[in-house]
């Protein structure tokens, strides 16, 4: 590219630079459309995860109703301390593994 640069007129150099900038912008736009926060990858991931999330929520609801819980918290959502005896994770996993949970 540098050897070509010596042979090009200033106008051609300008044109090549502009073309390179346009290509770089196209690449960035493509990356954003595919990988950005509302891009195709994000949407596909959400679409594929939704049935799994629905099954997990159904299992949590069933265990909560059967065990008489008024509330169930997500342990990863900022709970500073909870009695380990209150953890129903294994019950929810057992429910999921039983295949009985429906939406």
Foldseek 3Di string as FASTA:
>chain_A
DVVVVVVDDPVVVVVVVVVVVVVVVVVVVVCCQDPNPPHPVNVVVCVVCVVVVQQLVQLVVVCCVVVVPPDDDDPVPDDPDDDPVVDCVVSSVVSSVVVPGDD
